[in-house]
Amino acid sequence: MTKSEAHISPTQTHARRLARGICPDCNKYTYFAIFHQEWYGWDRTCLRCGRKWSGRERIPFSSPRTARRDSVRAARDRWKRGTQKGEKNEL
């Protein structure tokens, strides 16, 4: 790689956990998939409605039609990928 090329490396998940609580978006008692990344901190996704939060900030959906379904699917897939090297699984 030359000096003028940029190299972007995605951060890896260092810890993950499942939690139950009332979702502020859908107002239902549900599970949340919660992940921690080194530079971004904790983020959580409601596994019922697909709403995401990073810290205490609500993340807007990219496309309104399929965003909720895609968000739930992405969180479930991320959870199913399993514990990677050095990742803590906190249940």
N, C-alpha and C. Protein backbone atom coordinates (compact mmCIF):
# COMPACT_ATOMS: atom_id res chain seq x y z
N MET A 1 0.85 -1.17 0.00
CA MET A 1 0.00 0.00 0.00
C MET A 1 0.90 1.24 0.00
N THR A 2 0.63 2.16 -0.88
CA THR A 2 1.41 3.39 -0.94
C THR A 2 0.92 4.38 0.09
N LYS A 3 1.67 5.46 0.28
CA LYS A 3 1.30 6.45 1.28
C LYS A 3 0.01 7.20 0.95
N SER A 4 -0.36 7.26 -0.32
CA SER A 4 -1.55 8.02 -0.70
C SER A 4 -2.84 7.22 -0.60
N GLU A 5 -2.75 5.91 -0.36
CA GLU A 5 -3.95 5.08 -0.28
C GLU A 5 -4.47 5.06 1.16
N ALA A 6 -5.77 5.12 1.28
CA ALA A 6 -6.41 5.02 2.59
C ALA A 6 -6.82 3.58 2.83
N HIS A 7 -6.67 3.15 4.04
CA HIS A 7 -7.07 1.79 4.40
C HIS A 7 -8.10 1.89 5.52
N ILE A 8 -9.29 1.42 5.25
CA ILE A 8 -10.36 1.46 6.24
C ILE A 8 -10.56 0.05 6.77
N SER A 9 -10.49 -0.08 8.06
CA SER A 9 -10.65 -1.37 8.70
C SER A 9 -11.85 -1.31 9.64
N PRO A 10 -12.85 -2.19 9.44
CA PRO A 10 -14.01 -2.16 10.35
C PRO A 10 -13.61 -2.64 11.75
N THR A 11 -14.20 -2.03 12.73
CA THR A 11 -13.91 -2.46 14.10
C THR A 11 -14.62 -3.77 14.38
N GLN A 12 -14.06 -4.53 15.28
CA GLN A 12 -14.64 -5.82 15.62
C GLN A 12 -15.40 -5.71 16.92
N THR A 13 -16.36 -6.57 17.07
CA THR A 13 -17.15 -6.60 18.30
C THR A 13 -16.30 -7.25 19.39
N HIS A 14 -16.21 -6.57 20.55
CA HIS A 14 -15.41 -7.09 21.65
C HIS A 14 -16.27 -7.78 22.71
N ALA A 15 -17.53 -7.40 22.81
CA ALA A 15 -18.42 -8.02 23.79
C ALA A 15 -19.84 -7.95 23.25
N ARG A 16 -20.65 -8.87 23.67
CA ARG A 16 -22.05 -8.88 23.26
C ARG A 16 -22.89 -9.46 24.39
N ARG A 17 -24.16 -9.11 24.39
CA ARG A 17 -25.07 -9.66 25.39
C ARG A 17 -26.50 -9.50 24.92
N LEU A 18 -27.38 -10.24 25.53
CA LEU A 18 -28.82 -10.10 25.32
C LEU A 18 -29.42 -9.51 26.58
N ALA A 19 -30.38 -8.63 26.40
CA ALA A 19 -31.06 -8.02 27.55
C ALA A 19 -32.54 -7.95 27.23
N ARG A 20 -33.36 -7.92 28.27
CA ARG A 20 -34.80 -7.76 28.10
C ARG A 20 -35.22 -6.45 28.71
N GLY A 21 -36.18 -5.82 28.08
CA GLY A 21 -36.69 -4.57 28.60
C GLY A 21 -37.79 -4.03 27.71
N ILE A 22 -38.28 -2.86 28.05
CA ILE A 22 -39.32 -2.22 27.26
C ILE A 22 -38.66 -1.33 26.22
N CYS A 23 -38.99 -1.56 24.98
CA CYS A 23 -38.44 -0.77 23.88
C CYS A 23 -39.14 0.60 23.86
N PRO A 24 -38.37 1.69 23.84
CA PRO A 24 -38.99 3.01 23.79
C PRO A 24 -39.69 3.30 22.47
N ASP A 25 -39.36 2.55 21.42
CA ASP A 25 -39.95 2.79 20.11
C ASP A 25 -41.27 2.04 19.92
N CYS A 26 -41.28 0.73 20.22
CA CYS A 26 -42.51 -0.05 20.02
C CYS A 26 -43.31 -0.24 21.31
N ASN A 27 -42.76 0.19 22.46
CA ASN A 27 -43.42 0.12 23.77
C ASN A 27 -43.83 -1.29 24.16
N LYS A 28 -43.02 -2.28 23.78
CA LYS A 28 -43.30 -3.67 24.14
C LYS A 28 -42.11 -4.24 24.89
N TYR A 29 -42.39 -5.22 25.74
CA TYR A 29 -41.35 -5.92 26.47
C TYR A 29 -40.68 -6.89 25.50
N THR A 30 -39.37 -6.76 25.27
CA THR A 30 -38.71 -7.52 24.22
C THR A 30 -37.24 -7.74 24.55
N TYR A 31 -36.56 -8.47 23.68
CA TYR A 31 -35.12 -8.68 23.78
C TYR A 31 -34.38 -7.61 23.00
N PHE A 32 -33.18 -7.28 23.49
CA PHE A 32 -32.26 -6.39 22.79
C PHE A 32 -30.95 -7.13 22.58
N ALA A 33 -30.41 -7.06 21.37
CA ALA A 33 -29.06 -7.56 21.10
C ALA A 33 -28.13 -6.37 21.30
N ILE A 34 -27.16 -6.53 22.18
CA ILE A 34 -26.28 -5.43 22.55
C ILE A 34 -24.84 -5.83 22.22
N PHE A 35 -24.14 -4.95 21.50
CA PHE A 35 -22.77 -5.21 21.07
C PHE A 35 -21.86 -4.05 21.47
N HIS A 36 -20.60 -4.36 21.74
CA HIS A 36 -19.61 -3.32 22.07
C HIS A 36 -18.48 -3.36 21.04
N GLN A 37 -18.18 -2.18 20.48
CA GLN A 37 -17.06 -2.03 19.56
C GLN A 37 -16.07 -1.04 20.16
N GLU A 38 -14.81 -1.24 19.86
CA GLU A 38 -13.75 -0.48 20.52
C GLU A 38 -13.92 1.03 20.43
N TRP A 39 -14.11 1.59 19.26
CA TRP A 39 -14.18 3.04 19.10
C TRP A 39 -15.58 3.61 19.22
N TYR A 40 -16.60 2.77 19.09
CA TYR A 40 -17.98 3.26 19.04
C TYR A 40 -18.75 3.02 20.32
N GLY A 41 -18.27 2.17 21.20
CA GLY A 41 -18.98 1.90 22.44
C GLY A 41 -20.11 0.89 22.24
N TRP A 42 -21.10 0.97 23.09
CA TRP A 42 -22.22 0.02 23.07
C TRP A 42 -23.28 0.47 22.08
N ASP A 43 -23.84 -0.50 21.34
CA ASP A 43 -25.02 -0.23 20.54
C ASP A 43 -26.01 -1.37 20.78
N ARG A 44 -27.29 -1.05 20.66
CA ARG A 44 -28.32 -2.06 20.92
C ARG A 44 -29.38 -2.00 19.84
N THR A 45 -29.99 -3.15 19.60
CA THR A 45 -31.04 -3.27 18.59
C THR A 45 -32.21 -4.02 19.20
N CYS A 46 -33.41 -3.46 19.08
CA CYS A 46 -34.63 -4.14 19.52
C CYS A 46 -34.89 -5.27 18.53
N LEU A 47 -35.04 -6.49 19.04
CA LEU A 47 -35.26 -7.64 18.17
C LEU A 47 -36.72 -7.80 17.78
N ARG A 48 -37.59 -6.90 18.22
CA ARG A 48 -38.99 -6.91 17.81
C ARG A 48 -39.24 -5.90 16.69
N CYS A 49 -38.83 -4.65 16.90
CA CYS A 49 -39.14 -3.60 15.91
C CYS A 49 -37.94 -3.18 15.06
N GLY A 50 -36.71 -3.57 15.47
CA GLY A 50 -35.53 -3.26 14.68
C GLY A 50 -34.90 -1.90 14.94
N ARG A 51 -35.41 -1.14 15.89
CA ARG A 51 -34.83 0.18 16.18
C ARG A 51 -33.45 0.01 16.80
N LYS A 52 -32.50 0.86 16.39
CA LYS A 52 -31.13 0.81 16.89
C LYS A 52 -30.81 2.07 17.69
N TRP A 53 -29.96 1.89 18.70
CA TRP A 53 -29.44 3.00 19.48
C TRP A 53 -27.94 2.83 19.60
N SER A 54 -27.23 3.93 19.56
CA SER A 54 -25.80 3.95 19.83
C SER A 54 -25.61 4.87 21.03
N GLY A 55 -25.24 4.28 22.14
CA GLY A 55 -25.25 5.05 23.39
C GLY A 55 -26.70 5.34 23.74
N ARG A 56 -27.06 6.59 23.87
CA ARG A 56 -28.46 6.96 24.12
C ARG A 56 -29.09 7.62 22.90
N GLU A 57 -28.36 7.61 21.80
CA GLU A 57 -28.83 8.28 20.58
C GLU A 57 -29.51 7.28 19.63
N ARG A 58 -30.69 7.63 19.19
CA ARG A 58 -31.44 6.79 18.27
C ARG A 58 -30.86 6.91 16.87
N ILE A 59 -30.66 5.79 16.20
CA ILE A 59 -30.08 5.77 14.85
C ILE A 59 -31.23 5.76 13.84
N PRO A 60 -31.24 6.69 12.88
CA PRO A 60 -32.31 6.72 11.88
C PRO A 60 -32.20 5.53 10.91
N PHE A 61 -33.33 5.12 10.38
CA PHE A 61 -33.36 4.04 9.39
C PHE A 61 -32.92 4.57 8.04
N SER A 62 -32.23 3.71 7.27
CA SER A 62 -31.74 4.13 5.96
C SER A 62 -32.86 4.14 4.91
N SER A 63 -33.67 3.10 4.89
CA SER A 63 -34.81 3.07 3.96
C SER A 63 -36.05 2.67 4.74
N PRO A 64 -37.12 3.42 4.63
CA PRO A 64 -38.28 3.19 5.50
C PRO A 64 -39.04 1.89 5.23
N ARG A 65 -38.99 1.36 4.04
CA ARG A 65 -39.81 0.18 3.72
C ARG A 65 -39.34 -1.09 4.40
N THR A 66 -38.08 -1.42 4.23
CA THR A 66 -37.58 -2.70 4.74
C THR A 66 -36.57 -2.54 5.87
N ALA A 67 -36.40 -1.34 6.36
CA ALA A 67 -35.35 -1.07 7.34
C ALA A 67 -35.54 -1.84 8.64
N ARG A 68 -36.73 -1.92 9.14
CA ARG A 68 -36.96 -2.63 10.41
C ARG A 68 -36.66 -4.11 10.28
N ARG A 69 -37.15 -4.73 9.23
CA ARG A 69 -36.90 -6.15 9.00
C ARG A 69 -35.41 -6.41 8.81
N ASP A 70 -34.75 -5.57 8.01
CA ASP A 70 -33.32 -5.73 7.76
C ASP A 70 -32.49 -5.52 9.01
N SER A 71 -32.91 -4.59 9.86
CA SER A 71 -32.20 -4.32 11.10
C SER A 71 -32.27 -5.51 12.06
N VAL A 72 -33.44 -6.11 12.19
CA VAL A 72 -33.60 -7.29 13.04
C VAL A 72 -32.77 -8.44 12.48
N ARG A 73 -32.83 -8.64 11.18
CA ARG A 73 -32.09 -9.73 10.53
C ARG A 73 -30.58 -9.53 10.72
N ALA A 74 -30.09 -8.30 10.57
CA ALA A 74 -28.66 -8.03 10.73
C ALA A 74 -28.20 -8.29 12.17
N ALA A 75 -29.01 -7.89 13.15
CA ALA A 75 -28.65 -8.11 14.56
C ALA A 75 -28.63 -9.60 14.88
N ARG A 76 -29.60 -10.35 14.37
CA ARG A 76 -29.64 -11.80 14.61
C ARG A 76 -28.46 -12.50 13.94
N ASP A 77 -28.14 -12.09 12.72
CA ASP A 77 -26.99 -12.68 12.02
C ASP A 77 -25.69 -12.37 12.75
N ARG A 78 -25.57 -11.15 13.22
CA ARG A 78 -24.37 -10.74 13.96
C ARG A 78 -24.23 -11.56 15.23
N TRP A 79 -25.35 -11.83 15.90
CA TRP A 79 -25.33 -12.64 17.12
C TRP A 79 -24.97 -14.09 16.80
N LYS A 80 -25.53 -14.62 15.71
CA LYS A 80 -25.31 -16.03 15.36
C LYS A 80 -23.89 -16.31 14.87
N ARG A 81 -23.19 -15.29 14.39
CA ARG A 81 -21.81 -15.51 13.94
C ARG A 81 -20.93 -16.04 15.05
N GLY A 82 -21.37 -15.85 16.27
CA GLY A 82 -20.67 -16.45 17.39
C GLY A 82 -19.57 -15.59 17.96
N THR A 83 -19.01 -16.11 19.00
CA THR A 83 -17.95 -15.41 19.70
C THR A 83 -16.67 -15.50 18.90
N GLN A 84 -16.10 -14.35 18.58
CA GLN A 84 -14.83 -14.32 17.88
C GLN A 84 -13.71 -14.31 18.89
N LYS A 85 -12.50 -14.43 18.43
CA LYS A 85 -11.34 -14.47 19.31
C LYS A 85 -11.29 -13.21 20.17
N GLY A 86 -11.26 -13.40 21.46
CA GLY A 86 -11.15 -12.27 22.38
C GLY A 86 -12.47 -11.62 22.74
N GLU A 87 -13.59 -12.08 22.18
CA GLU A 87 -14.89 -11.47 22.44
C GLU A 87 -15.52 -12.07 23.69
N LYS A 88 -16.13 -11.24 24.51
CA LYS A 88 -16.80 -11.71 25.70
C LYS A 88 -18.29 -11.89 25.40
N ASN A 89 -18.83 -12.99 25.81
CA ASN A 89 -20.26 -13.23 25.65
C ASN A 89 -20.90 -13.05 27.01
N GLU A 90 -21.60 -11.97 27.21
CA GLU A 90 -22.20 -11.64 28.50
C GLU A 90 -23.70 -11.88 28.44
N LEU A 91 -24.17 -12.95 29.05
CA LEU A 91 -25.61 -13.21 29.06
C LEU A 91 -26.21 -12.85 30.39
